[in-house]
Amino acid sequence: MGKQQSDREDLLREATALVRRTELKIGRWTDPVVVGFRRDGSASFFFGVSPVYQFNSTKQIRRAFVDDRLIKSVRGELMSMRRERHEDRVDLISSPFSAEEALAFLQLAWDDLRALQKALTDKQFAVVGQISDGADVVSEVQGWLASALLEPIRVAAQPNVR
């Protein structure tokens, strides 16, 4: 994430690349859940400050933010990046995921998305806000999840949207 946002209250208003987005209050999560879609259909899920999962238009995970770590796809593999602050500089420390770490991370993402899907299906949510072009964003989220969760989450070839 290019800009660290500690205050997610503005995410619904400021995430203008997500042309259709909604903010939801769901009992399982203390912070609001914000879900948005870019014009190409790629989706981003913000479960408060963390975790954050971002997908490309083919529903492959491309980036995430979990426990103060940026996770991104690099040539189809997951890479963890964290900032190490020093007195005179900030270093970005990168390390590849082991196969076990990758499986655990992908399972965590799948579990979070499945819990969101269940809350939406069971109508255990309240819409806090929505920005759209007249579309029902919650229905779009439900459709995206129903399609994406039919199989395990796949890793994108690159971290950018395209």
N, C-alpha and C. Protein backbone atom coordinates (compact mmCIF):
# COMPACT_ATOMS: atom_id res chain seq x y z
N MET A 1 0.85 -1.16 0.00
CA MET A 1 0.00 0.00 0.00
C MET A 1 0.90 1.22 0.00
N GLY A 2 0.71 2.07 -0.97
CA GLY A 2 1.57 3.22 -1.12
C GLY A 2 1.51 4.16 0.05
N LYS A 3 0.36 4.37 0.58
CA LYS A 3 0.18 5.32 1.67
C LYS A 3 -0.43 4.55 2.84
N GLN A 4 0.24 4.55 3.95
CA GLN A 4 -0.32 3.86 5.11
C GLN A 4 -1.45 4.69 5.67
N GLN A 5 -2.58 4.04 5.84
CA GLN A 5 -3.73 4.74 6.38
C GLN A 5 -4.07 4.15 7.73
N SER A 6 -3.91 4.95 8.76
CA SER A 6 -4.28 4.46 10.09
C SER A 6 -5.74 4.74 10.37
N ASP A 7 -6.34 5.66 9.65
CA ASP A 7 -7.73 6.01 9.87
C ASP A 7 -8.55 5.57 8.67
N ARG A 8 -9.19 4.43 8.79
CA ARG A 8 -9.96 3.87 7.68
C ARG A 8 -11.30 4.57 7.46
N GLU A 9 -11.67 5.52 8.32
CA GLU A 9 -12.94 6.21 8.15
C GLU A 9 -13.00 6.93 6.81
N ASP A 10 -11.85 7.36 6.27
CA ASP A 10 -11.82 8.09 5.02
C ASP A 10 -11.65 7.19 3.80
N LEU A 11 -11.47 5.90 3.99
CA LEU A 11 -11.22 5.00 2.88
C LEU A 11 -12.36 5.00 1.88
N LEU A 12 -13.57 5.00 2.35
CA LEU A 12 -14.72 5.00 1.44
C LEU A 12 -14.68 6.23 0.55
N ARG A 13 -14.32 7.36 1.11
CA ARG A 13 -14.28 8.60 0.35
C ARG A 13 -13.04 8.72 -0.52
N GLU A 14 -11.90 8.26 -0.03
CA GLU A 14 -10.62 8.52 -0.69
C GLU A 14 -10.18 7.47 -1.70
N ALA A 15 -10.70 6.28 -1.65
CA ALA A 15 -10.23 5.20 -2.54
C ALA A 15 -10.87 5.34 -3.92
N THR A 16 -10.54 6.42 -4.60
CA THR A 16 -11.22 6.76 -5.86
C THR A 16 -10.91 5.81 -7.00
N ALA A 17 -9.80 5.04 -6.94
CA ALA A 17 -9.53 4.04 -7.96
C ALA A 17 -10.55 2.91 -7.91
N LEU A 18 -11.18 2.76 -6.74
CA LEU A 18 -12.25 1.78 -6.58
C LEU A 18 -13.56 2.48 -6.92
N VAL A 19 -14.01 2.34 -8.15
CA VAL A 19 -15.14 3.13 -8.63
C VAL A 19 -16.47 2.71 -8.02
N ARG A 20 -16.55 1.47 -7.56
CA ARG A 20 -17.71 0.99 -6.82
C ARG A 20 -17.18 0.43 -5.51
N ARG A 21 -17.66 0.97 -4.40
CA ARG A 21 -17.16 0.52 -3.10
C ARG A 21 -18.25 0.66 -2.04
N THR A 22 -18.10 -0.16 -1.02
CA THR A 22 -19.06 -0.14 0.08
C THR A 22 -18.32 -0.34 1.39
N GLU A 23 -18.85 0.27 2.42
CA GLU A 23 -18.33 0.08 3.77
C GLU A 23 -19.40 -0.64 4.57
N LEU A 24 -19.00 -1.72 5.21
CA LEU A 24 -19.93 -2.58 5.94
C LEU A 24 -19.53 -2.70 7.40
N LYS A 25 -20.51 -2.80 8.25
CA LYS A 25 -20.30 -3.10 9.67
C LYS A 25 -20.73 -4.54 9.86
N ILE A 26 -19.77 -5.36 10.30
CA ILE A 26 -20.02 -6.79 10.48
C ILE A 26 -19.51 -7.15 11.87
N GLY A 27 -20.34 -7.81 12.65
CA GLY A 27 -20.03 -8.10 14.05
C GLY A 27 -18.71 -8.81 14.27
N ARG A 28 -18.30 -9.67 13.36
CA ARG A 28 -17.05 -10.43 13.54
C ARG A 28 -15.83 -9.51 13.59
N TRP A 29 -15.88 -8.38 12.88
CA TRP A 29 -14.77 -7.46 12.81
C TRP A 29 -15.11 -6.17 13.54
N THR A 30 -14.22 -5.71 14.39
CA THR A 30 -14.42 -4.48 15.14
C THR A 30 -14.46 -3.28 14.19
N ASP A 31 -13.50 -3.23 13.28
CA ASP A 31 -13.43 -2.14 12.31
C ASP A 31 -14.35 -2.42 11.13
N PRO A 32 -14.75 -1.37 10.42
CA PRO A 32 -15.56 -1.58 9.22
C PRO A 32 -14.80 -2.38 8.16
N VAL A 33 -15.54 -3.07 7.34
CA VAL A 33 -15.00 -3.79 6.20
C VAL A 33 -15.34 -2.96 4.97
N VAL A 34 -14.32 -2.62 4.18
CA VAL A 34 -14.55 -1.86 2.95
C VAL A 34 -14.16 -2.76 1.79
N VAL A 35 -15.07 -2.86 0.83
CA VAL A 35 -14.82 -3.65 -0.37
C VAL A 35 -15.05 -2.75 -1.56
N GLY A 36 -14.13 -2.82 -2.53
CA GLY A 36 -14.28 -1.99 -3.70
C GLY A 36 -13.80 -2.68 -4.96
N PHE A 37 -14.30 -2.15 -6.08
CA PHE A 37 -13.96 -2.70 -7.39
C PHE A 37 -13.43 -1.60 -8.29
N ARG A 38 -12.38 -1.91 -9.04
CA ARG A 38 -11.88 -1.03 -10.08
C ARG A 38 -12.75 -1.22 -11.33
N ARG A 39 -12.53 -0.36 -12.31
CA ARG A 39 -13.31 -0.46 -13.56
C ARG A 39 -13.17 -1.83 -14.23
N ASP A 40 -12.00 -2.46 -14.10
CA ASP A 40 -11.78 -3.76 -14.75
C ASP A 40 -12.33 -4.93 -13.93
N GLY A 41 -12.95 -4.66 -12.79
CA GLY A 41 -13.53 -5.72 -11.96
C GLY A 41 -12.60 -6.25 -10.90
N SER A 42 -11.34 -5.79 -10.86
CA SER A 42 -10.44 -6.24 -9.80
C SER A 42 -10.96 -5.72 -8.46
N ALA A 43 -10.78 -6.53 -7.43
CA ALA A 43 -11.40 -6.24 -6.13
C ALA A 43 -10.36 -6.04 -5.05
N SER A 44 -10.73 -5.21 -4.07
CA SER A 44 -9.92 -4.99 -2.88
C SER A 44 -10.81 -5.14 -1.65
N PHE A 45 -10.29 -5.81 -0.64
CA PHE A 45 -11.00 -6.06 0.61
C PHE A 45 -10.17 -5.51 1.76
N PHE A 46 -10.74 -4.60 2.52
CA PHE A 46 -10.07 -3.98 3.65
C PHE A 46 -10.82 -4.38 4.92
N PHE A 47 -10.23 -5.25 5.71
CA PHE A 47 -10.82 -5.66 6.98
C PHE A 47 -10.22 -4.77 8.06
N GLY A 48 -10.69 -3.53 8.12
CA GLY A 48 -10.07 -2.54 8.98
C GLY A 48 -8.69 -2.22 8.44
N VAL A 49 -7.74 -1.97 9.33
CA VAL A 49 -6.37 -1.66 8.92
C VAL A 49 -5.67 -2.92 8.38
N SER A 50 -5.99 -4.06 8.94
CA SER A 50 -5.37 -5.31 8.53
C SER A 50 -6.31 -6.45 8.90
N PRO A 51 -6.45 -7.40 8.02
CA PRO A 51 -5.77 -7.59 6.76
C PRO A 51 -6.43 -6.83 5.61
N VAL A 52 -5.65 -6.66 4.56
CA VAL A 52 -6.11 -6.09 3.30
C VAL A 52 -5.71 -7.06 2.21
N TYR A 53 -6.65 -7.39 1.32
CA TYR A 53 -6.37 -8.29 0.21
C TYR A 53 -6.77 -7.59 -1.08
N GLN A 54 -5.86 -7.60 -2.06
CA GLN A 54 -6.14 -6.97 -3.36
C GLN A 54 -5.93 -8.00 -4.46
N PHE A 55 -6.90 -8.04 -5.37
CA PHE A 55 -6.92 -9.04 -6.42
C PHE A 55 -6.90 -8.37 -7.79
N ASN A 56 -6.46 -9.11 -8.80
CA ASN A 56 -6.53 -8.60 -10.16
C ASN A 56 -7.89 -8.98 -10.77
N SER A 57 -8.09 -8.68 -12.03
CA SER A 57 -9.40 -8.91 -12.65
C SER A 57 -9.70 -10.39 -12.86
N THR A 58 -8.71 -11.27 -12.73
CA THR A 58 -8.96 -12.70 -12.84
C THR A 58 -9.00 -13.37 -11.47
N LYS A 59 -9.21 -12.57 -10.44
CA LYS A 59 -9.40 -13.04 -9.06
C LYS A 59 -8.17 -13.72 -8.47
N GLN A 60 -7.00 -13.32 -8.93
CA GLN A 60 -5.75 -13.79 -8.35
C GLN A 60 -5.25 -12.74 -7.37
N ILE A 61 -4.74 -13.18 -6.23
CA ILE A 61 -4.25 -12.22 -5.24
C ILE A 61 -2.94 -11.61 -5.76
N ARG A 62 -2.88 -10.28 -5.67
CA ARG A 62 -1.70 -9.57 -6.18
C ARG A 62 -0.95 -8.85 -5.07
N ARG A 63 -1.67 -8.38 -4.05
CA ARG A 63 -1.07 -7.67 -2.93
C ARG A 63 -1.91 -7.89 -1.69
N ALA A 64 -1.27 -7.73 -0.55
CA ALA A 64 -1.98 -7.81 0.74
C ALA A 64 -1.20 -7.00 1.75
N PHE A 65 -1.86 -6.72 2.84
CA PHE A 65 -1.22 -6.06 3.97
C PHE A 65 -1.73 -6.78 5.21
N VAL A 66 -0.82 -7.45 5.90
CA VAL A 66 -1.20 -8.25 7.07
C VAL A 66 -0.12 -8.07 8.14
N ASP A 67 -0.55 -7.71 9.34
CA ASP A 67 0.38 -7.61 10.48
C ASP A 67 1.61 -6.76 10.15
N ASP A 68 1.39 -5.55 9.65
CA ASP A 68 2.47 -4.61 9.33
C ASP A 68 3.41 -5.09 8.23
N ARG A 69 2.99 -6.05 7.44
CA ARG A 69 3.81 -6.53 6.33
C ARG A 69 3.06 -6.33 5.02
N LEU A 70 3.75 -5.82 4.04
CA LEU A 70 3.23 -5.78 2.69
C LEU A 70 3.57 -7.12 2.07
N ILE A 71 2.59 -7.73 1.47
CA ILE A 71 2.79 -9.00 0.79
C ILE A 71 2.43 -8.76 -0.66
N LYS A 72 3.31 -9.15 -1.57
CA LYS A 72 3.00 -8.94 -2.98
C LYS A 72 3.43 -10.14 -3.79
N SER A 73 2.82 -10.26 -4.94
CA SER A 73 3.17 -11.34 -5.85
C SER A 73 4.34 -10.89 -6.72
N VAL A 74 5.29 -11.77 -6.88
CA VAL A 74 6.44 -11.52 -7.74
C VAL A 74 6.67 -12.80 -8.55
N ARG A 75 6.42 -12.71 -9.84
CA ARG A 75 6.55 -13.87 -10.73
C ARG A 75 5.77 -15.08 -10.21
N GLY A 76 4.57 -14.83 -9.70
CA GLY A 76 3.71 -15.91 -9.25
C GLY A 76 4.01 -16.46 -7.86
N GLU A 77 4.95 -15.85 -7.17
CA GLU A 77 5.31 -16.26 -5.81
C GLU A 77 5.01 -15.11 -4.85
N LEU A 78 4.82 -15.43 -3.58
CA LEU A 78 4.54 -14.40 -2.59
C LEU A 78 5.84 -13.92 -1.93
N MET A 79 5.91 -12.60 -1.77
CA MET A 79 7.07 -11.95 -1.17
C MET A 79 6.55 -11.08 -0.02
N SER A 80 7.21 -11.17 1.13
CA SER A 80 6.87 -10.35 2.28
C SER A 80 7.84 -9.18 2.35
N MET A 81 7.30 -8.00 2.61
CA MET A 81 8.14 -6.81 2.73
C MET A 81 7.76 -6.08 4.01
N ARG A 82 8.78 -5.67 4.75
CA ARG A 82 8.52 -4.90 5.96
C ARG A 82 9.53 -3.75 6.03
N ARG A 83 9.10 -2.68 6.67
CA ARG A 83 9.97 -1.52 6.83
C ARG A 83 10.78 -1.65 8.10
N GLU A 84 12.05 -1.39 7.98
CA GLU A 84 12.94 -1.37 9.13
C GLU A 84 13.46 0.06 9.26
N ARG A 85 13.03 0.74 10.30
CA ARG A 85 13.38 2.15 10.48
C ARG A 85 14.67 2.29 11.26
N HIS A 86 15.52 3.16 10.74
CA HIS A 86 16.79 3.50 11.39
C HIS A 86 16.77 5.01 11.63
N GLU A 87 17.75 5.49 12.35
CA GLU A 87 17.82 6.92 12.66
C GLU A 87 17.85 7.78 11.40
N ASP A 88 18.60 7.35 10.40
CA ASP A 88 18.81 8.18 9.21
C ASP A 88 18.18 7.62 7.93
N ARG A 89 17.49 6.48 8.02
CA ARG A 89 16.93 5.88 6.82
C ARG A 89 15.86 4.84 7.18
N VAL A 90 15.14 4.43 6.15
CA VAL A 90 14.19 3.34 6.29
C VAL A 90 14.55 2.29 5.24
N ASP A 91 14.78 1.06 5.68
CA ASP A 91 15.10 -0.03 4.76
C ASP A 91 13.84 -0.86 4.53
N LEU A 92 13.66 -1.31 3.32
CA LEU A 92 12.58 -2.21 2.98
C LEU A 92 13.19 -3.61 2.88
N ILE A 93 12.83 -4.47 3.81
CA ILE A 93 13.39 -5.81 3.87
C ILE A 93 12.41 -6.77 3.20
N SER A 94 12.88 -7.44 2.16
CA SER A 94 12.04 -8.38 1.42
C SER A 94 12.49 -9.80 1.68
N SER A 95 11.53 -10.70 1.77
CA SER A 95 11.86 -12.11 1.90
C SER A 95 10.75 -12.94 1.25
N PRO A 96 11.15 -13.97 0.51
CA PRO A 96 10.14 -14.82 -0.13
C PRO A 96 9.46 -15.70 0.90
N PHE A 97 8.22 -16.05 0.62
CA PHE A 97 7.49 -16.99 1.46
C PHE A 97 8.00 -18.40 1.17
N SER A 98 8.09 -19.20 2.21
CA SER A 98 8.31 -20.64 1.99
C SER A 98 6.98 -21.21 1.48
N ALA A 99 7.02 -22.42 1.00
CA ALA A 99 5.80 -23.06 0.52
C ALA A 99 4.76 -23.16 1.64
N GLU A 100 5.21 -23.44 2.85
CA GLU A 100 4.30 -23.55 4.00
C GLU A 100 3.70 -22.20 4.36
N GLU A 101 4.54 -21.16 4.35
CA GLU A 101 4.04 -19.81 4.64
C GLU A 101 3.02 -19.36 3.60
N ALA A 102 3.29 -19.66 2.36
CA ALA A 102 2.37 -19.29 1.28
C ALA A 102 1.02 -19.99 1.46
N LEU A 103 1.06 -21.28 1.74
CA LEU A 103 -0.19 -22.02 1.95
C LEU A 103 -0.97 -21.46 3.14
N ALA A 104 -0.27 -21.16 4.23
CA ALA A 104 -0.93 -20.62 5.42
C ALA A 104 -1.54 -19.25 5.13
N PHE A 105 -0.81 -18.40 4.43
CA PHE A 105 -1.34 -17.08 4.08
C PHE A 105 -2.56 -17.20 3.17
N LEU A 106 -2.48 -18.02 2.14
CA LEU A 106 -3.61 -18.18 1.21
C LEU A 106 -4.83 -18.76 1.92
N GLN A 107 -4.60 -19.64 2.88
CA GLN A 107 -5.71 -20.19 3.66
C GLN A 107 -6.33 -19.11 4.55
N LEU A 108 -5.50 -18.26 5.16
CA LEU A 108 -6.00 -17.15 5.97
C LEU A 108 -6.87 -16.22 5.12
N ALA A 109 -6.39 -15.87 3.94
CA ALA A 109 -7.17 -15.00 3.05
C ALA A 109 -8.49 -15.67 2.67
N TRP A 110 -8.44 -16.94 2.31
CA TRP A 110 -9.65 -17.67 1.93
C TRP A 110 -10.64 -17.71 3.11
N ASP A 111 -10.13 -17.97 4.32
CA ASP A 111 -10.99 -18.02 5.51
C ASP A 111 -11.65 -16.66 5.77
N ASP A 112 -10.89 -15.57 5.65
CA ASP A 112 -11.47 -14.23 5.86
C ASP A 112 -12.54 -13.93 4.82
N LEU A 113 -12.26 -14.25 3.58
CA LEU A 113 -13.24 -13.99 2.51
C LEU A 113 -14.46 -14.88 2.68
N ARG A 114 -14.27 -16.11 3.10
CA ARG A 114 -15.40 -17.02 3.33
C ARG A 114 -16.25 -16.53 4.49
N ALA A 115 -15.63 -15.99 5.54
CA ALA A 115 -16.39 -15.44 6.67
C ALA A 115 -17.19 -14.22 6.22
N LEU A 116 -16.62 -13.40 5.37
CA LEU A 116 -17.36 -12.26 4.82
C LEU A 116 -18.53 -12.75 3.99
N GLN A 117 -18.30 -13.74 3.15
CA GLN A 117 -19.37 -14.31 2.32
C GLN A 117 -20.51 -14.82 3.20
N LYS A 118 -20.17 -15.52 4.26
CA LYS A 118 -21.20 -16.06 5.17
C LYS A 118 -21.99 -14.93 5.83
N ALA A 119 -21.29 -13.88 6.28
CA ALA A 119 -21.99 -12.75 6.92
C ALA A 119 -22.95 -12.08 5.93
N LEU A 120 -22.54 -11.96 4.69
CA LEU A 120 -23.42 -11.35 3.68
C LEU A 120 -24.60 -12.25 3.37
N THR A 121 -24.35 -13.54 3.22
CA THR A 121 -25.42 -14.50 2.93
C THR A 121 -26.43 -14.55 4.07
N ASP A 122 -25.92 -14.53 5.30
CA ASP A 122 -26.78 -14.60 6.49
C ASP A 122 -27.38 -13.24 6.86
N LYS A 123 -27.08 -12.22 6.07
CA LYS A 123 -27.57 -10.86 6.31
C LYS A 123 -27.17 -10.34 7.69
N GLN A 124 -25.93 -10.65 8.08
CA GLN A 124 -25.39 -10.22 9.37
C GLN A 124 -24.46 -9.02 9.17
N PHE A 125 -24.97 -7.99 8.52
CA PHE A 125 -24.16 -6.81 8.21
C PHE A 125 -25.07 -5.60 8.10
N ALA A 126 -24.47 -4.44 8.17
CA ALA A 126 -25.16 -3.17 7.90
C ALA A 126 -24.29 -2.37 6.95
N VAL A 127 -24.91 -1.77 5.95
CA VAL A 127 -24.19 -0.91 5.02
C VAL A 127 -24.00 0.44 5.69
N VAL A 128 -22.75 0.84 5.87
CA VAL A 128 -22.42 2.13 6.47
C VAL A 128 -22.42 3.22 5.40
N GLY A 129 -21.93 2.86 4.23
CA GLY A 129 -21.87 3.80 3.12
C GLY A 129 -21.57 3.07 1.83
N GLN A 130 -21.84 3.76 0.72
CA GLN A 130 -21.60 3.15 -0.58
C GLN A 130 -21.36 4.24 -1.60
N ILE A 131 -20.42 3.99 -2.49
CA ILE A 131 -20.20 4.86 -3.63
C ILE A 131 -20.24 3.97 -4.85
N SER A 132 -21.14 4.28 -5.76
CA SER A 132 -21.29 3.44 -6.95
C SER A 132 -21.90 4.25 -8.07
N ASP A 133 -21.98 3.61 -9.20
CA ASP A 133 -22.62 4.20 -10.37
C ASP A 133 -24.06 3.70 -10.50
N GLY A 134 -24.69 3.49 -9.37
CA GLY A 134 -26.06 2.98 -9.36
C GLY A 134 -26.13 1.48 -9.14
N ALA A 135 -24.99 0.82 -9.13
CA ALA A 135 -24.95 -0.63 -8.94
C ALA A 135 -25.16 -0.99 -7.47
N ASP A 136 -25.64 -2.18 -7.22
CA ASP A 136 -25.75 -2.72 -5.87
C ASP A 136 -24.40 -3.37 -5.55
N VAL A 137 -23.56 -2.66 -4.83
CA VAL A 137 -22.19 -3.13 -4.58
C VAL A 137 -22.20 -4.39 -3.72
N VAL A 138 -23.09 -4.49 -2.75
CA VAL A 138 -23.13 -5.68 -1.90
C VAL A 138 -23.42 -6.92 -2.75
N SER A 139 -24.34 -6.81 -3.69
CA SER A 139 -24.63 -7.95 -4.59
C SER A 139 -23.42 -8.28 -5.44
N GLU A 140 -22.69 -7.24 -5.88
CA GLU A 140 -21.48 -7.48 -6.66
C GLU A 140 -20.43 -8.20 -5.81
N VAL A 141 -20.29 -7.81 -4.56
CA VAL A 141 -19.35 -8.48 -3.65
C VAL A 141 -19.76 -9.95 -3.50
N GLN A 142 -21.05 -10.20 -3.29
CA GLN A 142 -21.52 -11.57 -3.13
C GLN A 142 -21.22 -12.40 -4.38
N GLY A 143 -21.45 -11.84 -5.54
CA GLY A 143 -21.17 -12.55 -6.78
C GLY A 143 -19.69 -12.84 -6.95
N TRP A 144 -18.86 -11.84 -6.63
CA TRP A 144 -17.41 -12.01 -6.74
C TRP A 144 -16.95 -13.13 -5.82
N LEU A 145 -17.41 -13.10 -4.57
CA LEU A 145 -17.01 -14.12 -3.60
C LEU A 145 -17.49 -15.51 -4.01
N ALA A 146 -18.73 -15.61 -4.48
CA ALA A 146 -19.27 -16.90 -4.90
C ALA A 146 -18.43 -17.51 -6.01
N SER A 147 -17.97 -16.70 -6.92
CA SER A 147 -17.13 -17.17 -8.02
C SER A 147 -15.70 -17.47 -7.56
N ALA A 148 -15.11 -16.56 -6.80
CA ALA A 148 -13.70 -16.68 -6.41
C ALA A 148 -13.45 -17.81 -5.43
N LEU A 149 -14.41 -18.11 -4.57
CA LEU A 149 -14.18 -19.10 -3.52
C LEU A 149 -14.54 -20.52 -3.92
N LEU A 150 -14.79 -20.74 -5.20
CA LEU A 150 -15.06 -22.09 -5.68
C LEU A 150 -13.79 -22.94 -5.68
N GLU A 151 -12.64 -22.28 -5.68
CA GLU A 151 -11.37 -22.98 -5.70
C GLU A 151 -10.38 -22.23 -4.80
N PRO A 152 -9.24 -22.81 -4.53
CA PRO A 152 -8.25 -22.10 -3.71
C PRO A 152 -7.81 -20.80 -4.39
N ILE A 153 -7.38 -19.86 -3.59
CA ILE A 153 -6.90 -18.58 -4.11
C ILE A 153 -5.58 -18.80 -4.83
N ARG A 154 -5.47 -18.22 -6.01
CA ARG A 154 -4.24 -18.32 -6.80
C ARG A 154 -3.46 -17.01 -6.69
N VAL A 155 -2.16 -17.11 -6.87
CA VAL A 155 -1.27 -15.95 -6.79
C VAL A 155 -1.07 -15.38 -8.19
N ALA A 156 -1.18 -14.06 -8.30
CA ALA A 156 -0.98 -13.38 -9.57
C ALA A 156 0.50 -13.41 -9.97
N ALA A 157 0.76 -13.17 -11.24
CA ALA A 157 2.14 -13.13 -11.72
C ALA A 157 2.87 -11.88 -11.27
N GLN A 158 2.11 -10.80 -11.05
CA GLN A 158 2.72 -9.51 -10.68
C GLN A 158 1.81 -8.78 -9.72
N PRO A 159 2.35 -7.82 -8.97
CA PRO A 159 1.56 -7.13 -7.96
C PRO A 159 0.66 -6.02 -8.49
N ASN A 160 0.88 -5.56 -9.71
CA ASN A 160 0.02 -4.49 -10.20
C ASN A 160 -1.27 -5.06 -10.78
N VAL A 161 -2.22 -4.18 -11.03
CA VAL A 161 -3.57 -4.59 -11.39
C VAL A 161 -3.61 -5.37 -12.70
N ARG A 162 -2.87 -4.97 -13.67
CA ARG A 162 -2.96 -5.62 -14.99
C ARG A 162 -2.06 -6.81 -15.11
